[in-house]
Amino acid sequence: MAKGFNGFGGGGGFNMQQMMRQAQKMQEQMAKAQEELAELSVTGTAGGGMVEITLSGKREVEGVTVKPEAVDPDDVEMLEDLIAAALGDALAKVAEKEKEMLPYGAAGMLG
């Protein structure tokens, strides 16, 4: 009959205290990275800089800049495409920063 926790005895590889310390360390790293991301600001661009969108690390829009030459009343669809592309660029930059800053595997747990 096995002794201990689900067959794990006291003399083996299962160390609950060590596992708890590792979990606490990862939580601390995650909290620090989230604070740094909250202060982050990235800018996505499209059309050679004709449209710029700035996002926070929390993916909140901080600003939108559209150069006058990007506005053509006869081609609103082009402006819409440029805005979508600039937003996509900014979101990709935030995602890349998350991968760099967050502990392995934790980036997908945010928003």
C-alpha atoms as a PDB file:
ATOM      1  CA  MET A   1       0.000   0.000   0.000  1.00  0.00           C
ATOM      2  CA  ALA A   2       1.367   3.400  -0.987  1.00  0.00           C
ATOM      3  CA  LYS A   3       2.131   5.951   1.676  1.00  0.00           C
ATOM      4  CA  GLY A   4       2.065   9.711   1.511  1.00  0.00           C
ATOM      5  CA  PHE A   5       0.318  11.978  -0.968  1.00  0.00           C
ATOM      6  CA  ASN A   6      -1.139   9.967  -3.847  1.00  0.00           C
ATOM      7  CA  GLY A   7       1.694   7.503  -3.741  1.00  0.00           C
ATOM      8  CA  PHE A   8       4.466  10.062  -3.275  1.00  0.00           C
ATOM      9  CA  GLY A   9       6.471   9.312  -0.178  1.00  0.00           C
ATOM     10  CA  GLY A  10       8.527  11.775   1.783  1.00  0.00           C
ATOM     11  CA  GLY A  11      11.815  10.760   0.187  1.00  0.00           C
ATOM     12  CA  GLY A  12      11.264  11.683  -3.418  1.00  0.00           C
ATOM     13  CA  GLY A  13      11.043  14.407  -5.989  1.00  0.00           C
ATOM     14  CA  PHE A  14       7.786  15.960  -4.805  1.00  0.00           C
ATOM     15  CA  ASN A  15       8.545  18.963  -2.632  1.00  0.00           C
ATOM     16  CA  MET A  16       5.471  21.046  -1.864  1.00  0.00           C
ATOM     17  CA  GLN A  17       7.427  23.922  -0.302  1.00  0.00           C
ATOM     18  CA  GLN A  18       9.670  24.226  -3.336  1.00  0.00           C
ATOM     19  CA  MET A  19       6.666  24.173  -5.644  1.00  0.00           C
ATOM     20  CA  MET A  20       4.949  26.894  -3.584  1.00  0.00           C
ATOM     21  CA  ARG A  21       8.095  29.076  -3.678  1.00  0.00           C
ATOM     22  CA  GLN A  22       8.268  28.704  -7.454  1.00  0.00           C
ATOM     23  CA  ALA A  23       4.586  29.627  -7.797  1.00  0.00           C
ATOM     24  CA  GLN A  24       5.068  32.684  -5.576  1.00  0.00           C
ATOM     25  CA  LYS A  25       8.133  33.753  -7.578  1.00  0.00           C
ATOM     26  CA  MET A  26       6.173  33.457 -10.824  1.00  0.00           C
ATOM     27  CA  GLN A  27       3.316  35.524  -9.340  1.00  0.00           C
ATOM     28  CA  GLU A  28       5.808  38.238  -8.345  1.00  0.00           C
ATOM     29  CA  GLN A  29       7.351  38.232 -11.836  1.00  0.00           C
ATOM     30  CA  MET A  30       3.881  38.424 -13.376  1.00  0.00           C
ATOM     31  CA  ALA A  31       2.869  41.376 -11.168  1.00  0.00           C
ATOM     32  CA  LYS A  32       6.064  43.252 -11.996  1.00  0.00           C
ATOM     33  CA  ALA A  33       5.649  42.616 -15.720  1.00  0.00           C
ATOM     34  CA  GLN A  34       2.020  43.764 -15.613  1.00  0.00           C
ATOM     35  CA  GLU A  35       3.082  47.011 -13.918  1.00  0.00           C
ATOM     36  CA  GLU A  36       5.708  47.590 -16.599  1.00  0.00           C
ATOM     37  CA  LEU A  37       3.201  46.810 -19.349  1.00  0.00           C
ATOM     38  CA  ALA A  38       0.717  49.284 -17.858  1.00  0.00           C
ATOM     39  CA  GLU A  39       3.348  52.015 -18.274  1.00  0.00           C
ATOM     40  CA  LEU A  40       4.230  50.901 -21.822  1.00  0.00           C
ATOM     41  CA  SER A  41       3.243  52.960 -24.844  1.00  0.00           C
ATOM     42  CA  VAL A  42       3.642  51.676 -28.419  1.00  0.00           C
ATOM     43  CA  THR A  43       2.794  53.242 -31.757  1.00  0.00           C
ATOM     44  CA  GLY A  44       1.610  51.349 -34.793  1.00  0.00           C
ATOM     45  CA  THR A  45       1.831  52.956 -38.200  1.00  0.00           C
ATOM     46  CA  ALA A  46       0.476  52.437 -41.707  1.00  0.00           C
ATOM     47  CA  GLY A  47       0.814  54.113 -45.075  1.00  0.00           C
ATOM     48  CA  GLY A  48       4.379  55.212 -44.426  1.00  0.00           C
ATOM     49  CA  GLY A  49       3.343  57.047 -41.266  1.00  0.00           C
ATOM     50  CA  MET A  50       0.204  58.606 -42.713  1.00  0.00           C
ATOM     51  CA  VAL A  51      -1.775  56.980 -39.884  1.00  0.00           C
ATOM     52  CA  GLU A  52      -0.425  56.346 -36.378  1.00  0.00           C
ATOM     53  CA  ILE A  53      -2.200  54.724 -33.438  1.00  0.00           C
ATOM     54  CA  THR A  54      -0.670  54.718 -29.964  1.00  0.00           C
ATOM     55  CA  LEU A  55      -1.721  52.043 -27.465  1.00  0.00           C
ATOM     56  CA  SER A  56      -0.923  51.442 -23.828  1.00  0.00           C
ATOM     57  CA  GLY A  57       0.382  48.066 -22.733  1.00  0.00           C
ATOM     58  CA  LYS A  58      -3.187  47.360 -21.636  1.00  0.00           C
ATOM     59  CA  ARG A  59      -4.308  47.793 -25.258  1.00  0.00           C
ATOM     60  CA  GLU A  60      -6.079  51.071 -24.554  1.00  0.00           C
ATOM     61  CA  VAL A  61      -5.984  53.662 -27.343  1.00  0.00           C
ATOM     62  CA  GLU A  62      -3.952  56.657 -26.229  1.00  0.00           C
ATOM     63  CA  GLY A  63      -3.927  58.548 -29.497  1.00  0.00           C
ATOM     64  CA  VAL A  64      -4.685  58.555 -33.205  1.00  0.00           C
ATOM     65  CA  THR A  65      -2.891  60.723 -35.748  1.00  0.00           C
ATOM     66  CA  VAL A  66      -4.038  61.026 -39.356  1.00  0.00           C
ATOM     67  CA  LYS A  67      -2.040  63.189 -41.728  1.00  0.00           C
ATOM     68  CA  PRO A  68      -4.205  65.398 -43.959  1.00  0.00           C
ATOM     69  CA  GLU A  69      -2.932  63.769 -47.142  1.00  0.00           C
ATOM     70  CA  ALA A  70      -4.422  60.458 -45.939  1.00  0.00           C
ATOM     71  CA  VAL A  71      -7.918  61.943 -46.064  1.00  0.00           C
ATOM     72  CA  ASP A  72      -9.540  61.636 -49.474  1.00  0.00           C
ATOM     73  CA  PRO A  73     -13.323  62.110 -49.390  1.00  0.00           C
ATOM     74  CA  ASP A  74     -13.573  60.062 -52.575  1.00  0.00           C
ATOM     75  CA  ASP A  75     -11.675  57.116 -51.036  1.00  0.00           C
ATOM     76  CA  VAL A  76     -12.797  56.699 -47.441  1.00  0.00           C
ATOM     77  CA  GLU A  77     -12.161  52.949 -47.718  1.00  0.00           C
ATOM     78  CA  MET A  78      -8.409  53.561 -48.054  1.00  0.00           C
ATOM     79  CA  LEU A  79      -8.387  55.592 -44.825  1.00  0.00           C
ATOM     80  CA  GLU A  80     -10.344  52.839 -43.058  1.00  0.00           C
ATOM     81  CA  ASP A  81      -7.794  50.280 -44.255  1.00  0.00           C
ATOM     82  CA  LEU A  82      -4.907  52.447 -43.027  1.00  0.00           C
ATOM     83  CA  ILE A  83      -6.511  52.812 -39.592  1.00  0.00           C
ATOM     84  CA  ALA A  84      -7.078  49.054 -39.350  1.00  0.00           C
ATOM     85  CA  ALA A  85      -3.492  48.366 -40.417  1.00  0.00           C
ATOM     86  CA  ALA A  86      -2.043  50.848 -37.907  1.00  0.00           C
ATOM     87  CA  LEU A  87      -4.130  49.325 -35.116  1.00  0.00           C
ATOM     88  CA  GLY A  88      -3.006  45.830 -36.107  1.00  0.00           C
ATOM     89  CA  ASP A  89       0.616  46.989 -36.074  1.00  0.00           C
ATOM     90  CA  ALA A  90       0.237  48.512 -32.597  1.00  0.00           C
ATOM     91  CA  LEU A  91      -1.485  45.390 -31.224  1.00  0.00           C
ATOM     92  CA  ALA A  92       1.288  43.185 -32.617  1.00  0.00           C
ATOM     93  CA  LYS A  93       3.878  45.376 -30.892  1.00  0.00           C
ATOM     94  CA  VAL A  94       2.069  45.105 -27.550  1.00  0.00           C
ATOM     95  CA  ALA A  95       1.855  41.315 -27.944  1.00  0.00           C
ATOM     96  CA  GLU A  96       5.581  41.131 -28.687  1.00  0.00           C
ATOM     97  CA  LYS A  97       6.390  43.181 -25.588  1.00  0.00           C
ATOM     98  CA  GLU A  98       4.184  40.859 -23.521  1.00  0.00           C
ATOM     99  CA  LYS A  99       6.155  37.862 -24.762  1.00  0.00           C
ATOM    100  CA  GLU A 100       9.398  39.593 -23.802  1.00  0.00           C
ATOM    101  CA  MET A 101       8.267  40.779 -20.382  1.00  0.00           C
ATOM    102  CA  LEU A 102       5.970  38.097 -18.983  1.00  0.00           C
ATOM    103  CA  PRO A 103       7.066  34.754 -17.558  1.00  0.00           C
ATOM    104  CA  TYR A 104       6.970  31.900 -20.059  1.00  0.00           C
ATOM    105  CA  GLY A 105       3.419  31.036 -21.084  1.00  0.00           C
ATOM    106  CA  ALA A 106       1.763  33.844 -19.127  1.00  0.00           C
ATOM    107  CA  ALA A 107       1.244  36.273 -22.029  1.00  0.00           C
ATOM    108  CA  GLY A 108      -1.831  34.408 -23.225  1.00  0.00           C
ATOM    109  CA  MET A 109      -3.456  34.803 -19.815  1.00  0.00           C
ATOM    110  CA  LEU A 110      -3.846  38.567 -20.258  1.00  0.00           C
ATOM    111  CA  GLY A 111      -6.840  40.051 -22.100  1.00  0.00           C
END
